[in-house]
């Protein structure tokens, strides 16, 4: 399995806040060593490796993870906690997962 994390640099050159938060969580939970590669999607450079991956996989959110296994199509994860749970097999609370989903989808309401 090969895992690539794509983090974004904004048009003004600042780092993506959500990307920094996810990177911090990976470090704090000692999961960063499970990420094989970190690439940058630089909004100022449409040919940056991360921007190419985003177009290739039709992803508009950052950060995202590309999980590749030999002989299978790449799987894309835009929700950090889902990635941690399904790919890294780590325990997370349902409340943390719901919070992230709600943050990424402000147009939905939780019942």
Protein backbone atom coordinates (compact mmCIF):
# COMPACT_ATOMS: atom_id res chain seq x y z
CA UNK A 1 0.00 0.00 0.00
CA UNK A 2 1.22 3.51 -0.85
CA UNK A 3 -0.35 6.54 0.83
CA UNK A 4 0.05 10.07 -0.47
CA UNK A 5 -1.20 13.08 1.46
CA UNK A 6 -1.94 16.17 -0.61
CA UNK A 7 -1.85 19.47 1.24
CA UNK A 8 -2.58 22.87 -0.22
CA UNK A 9 -0.84 26.23 -0.47
CA UNK A 10 -3.35 29.03 -1.00
CA UNK A 11 -3.18 31.61 -3.81
CA UNK A 12 -1.70 34.16 -1.37
CA UNK A 13 1.10 31.72 -0.46
CA UNK A 14 -0.27 30.84 2.97
CA UNK A 15 -0.63 27.21 4.03
CA UNK A 16 -4.08 25.64 4.19
CA UNK A 17 -5.24 25.77 7.82
CA UNK A 18 -7.12 22.45 7.64
CA UNK A 19 -4.04 20.81 6.10
CA UNK A 20 -1.87 22.05 8.96
CA UNK A 21 -4.43 20.76 11.48
CA UNK A 22 -4.48 17.31 9.89
CA UNK A 23 -0.68 17.17 9.75
CA UNK A 24 -0.55 18.07 13.45
CA UNK A 25 -3.09 15.34 14.27
CA UNK A 26 -1.05 12.79 12.33
CA UNK A 27 2.07 13.80 14.28
CA UNK A 28 0.34 13.84 17.67
CA UNK A 29 -1.18 10.40 17.06
CA UNK A 30 2.15 9.03 15.80
CA UNK A 31 0.65 8.18 12.42
CA UNK A 32 2.81 10.37 10.19
CA UNK A 33 5.25 7.51 9.56
CA UNK A 34 2.40 5.63 7.83
CA UNK A 35 2.20 8.33 5.15
CA UNK A 36 4.60 7.46 2.32
CA UNK A 37 4.58 10.82 0.57
CA UNK A 38 3.34 14.37 1.13
CA UNK A 39 2.85 16.53 -1.94
CA UNK A 40 1.81 20.15 -2.35
CA UNK A 41 -1.18 21.41 -4.29
CA UNK A 42 -0.03 24.99 -4.89
CA UNK A 43 -2.95 27.11 -6.12
CA UNK A 44 -0.40 29.45 -7.72
CA UNK A 45 0.98 26.61 -9.86
CA UNK A 46 -1.59 24.51 -11.73
CA UNK A 47 1.21 22.10 -12.67
CA UNK A 48 2.26 21.38 -9.07
CA UNK A 49 2.10 17.68 -8.26
CA UNK A 50 -0.81 18.10 -5.86
CA UNK A 51 -2.87 20.16 -8.31
CA UNK A 52 -2.33 17.48 -10.97
CA UNK A 53 -3.48 14.77 -8.53
CA UNK A 54 -6.52 16.87 -7.58
CA UNK A 55 -7.55 17.23 -11.23
CA UNK A 56 -6.81 13.58 -11.97
CA UNK A 57 -9.03 12.40 -9.11
CA UNK A 58 -11.58 15.25 -9.38
CA UNK A 59 -10.94 16.43 -5.81
CA UNK A 60 -11.75 19.97 -4.70
CA UNK A 61 -11.02 19.64 -0.96
CA UNK A 62 -7.70 19.66 0.84
CA UNK A 63 -6.11 17.87 2.41
CA UNK A 64 -6.86 14.59 0.75
CA UNK A 65 -5.25 11.18 0.73
CA UNK A 66 -4.56 8.91 -2.24
CA UNK A 67 -4.35 5.26 -1.23
CA UNK A 68 -2.90 2.96 -3.86
CA UNK A 69 -2.68 -0.81 -3.74
CA UNK A 70 -1.13 -2.84 -6.51
CA UNK A 71 -3.66 -3.98 -9.08
CA UNK A 72 -6.47 -1.80 -7.71
CA UNK A 73 -7.82 1.64 -8.53
CA UNK A 74 -6.63 4.39 -6.20
CA UNK A 75 -8.98 5.27 -3.36
CA UNK A 76 -9.39 8.93 -2.43
CA UNK A 77 -10.18 10.15 1.08
CA UNK A 78 -11.16 13.76 1.72
CA UNK A 79 -12.37 13.13 5.28
CA UNK A 80 -9.43 12.69 7.63
CA UNK A 81 -11.21 10.61 10.29
CA UNK A 82 -12.67 8.26 7.68
CA UNK A 83 -9.16 7.81 6.27
CA UNK A 84 -7.71 7.11 9.72
CA UNK A 85 -10.47 4.64 10.55
CA UNK A 86 -10.63 2.75 7.23
CA UNK A 87 -7.02 2.84 6.05
CA UNK A 88 -4.91 3.15 9.18
CA UNK A 89 -7.34 1.05 11.26
CA UNK A 90 -7.22 3.50 14.17
CA UNK A 91 -10.04 4.08 16.63
CA UNK A 92 -11.78 7.44 16.40
CA UNK A 93 -14.90 8.75 18.00
CA UNK A 94 -18.05 9.01 15.93
CA UNK A 95 -18.44 12.56 17.24
CA UNK A 96 -15.07 13.59 15.74
CA UNK A 97 -15.99 12.09 12.41
CA UNK A 98 -19.40 13.78 12.33
CA UNK A 99 -17.84 17.13 13.27
CA UNK A 100 -15.46 16.96 10.30
CA UNK A 101 -18.21 15.92 7.90
CA UNK A 102 -20.37 18.83 9.09
CA UNK A 103 -17.49 21.29 8.68
CA UNK A 104 -16.91 20.16 5.11
CA UNK A 105 -20.63 20.22 4.27
CA UNK A 106 -22.21 23.31 5.88
CA UNK A 107 -25.31 22.88 3.70
CA UNK A 108 -26.37 19.69 5.51
CA UNK A 109 -28.01 19.45 8.90
CA UNK A 110 -27.47 16.70 11.43
CA UNK A 111 -30.59 15.04 12.83
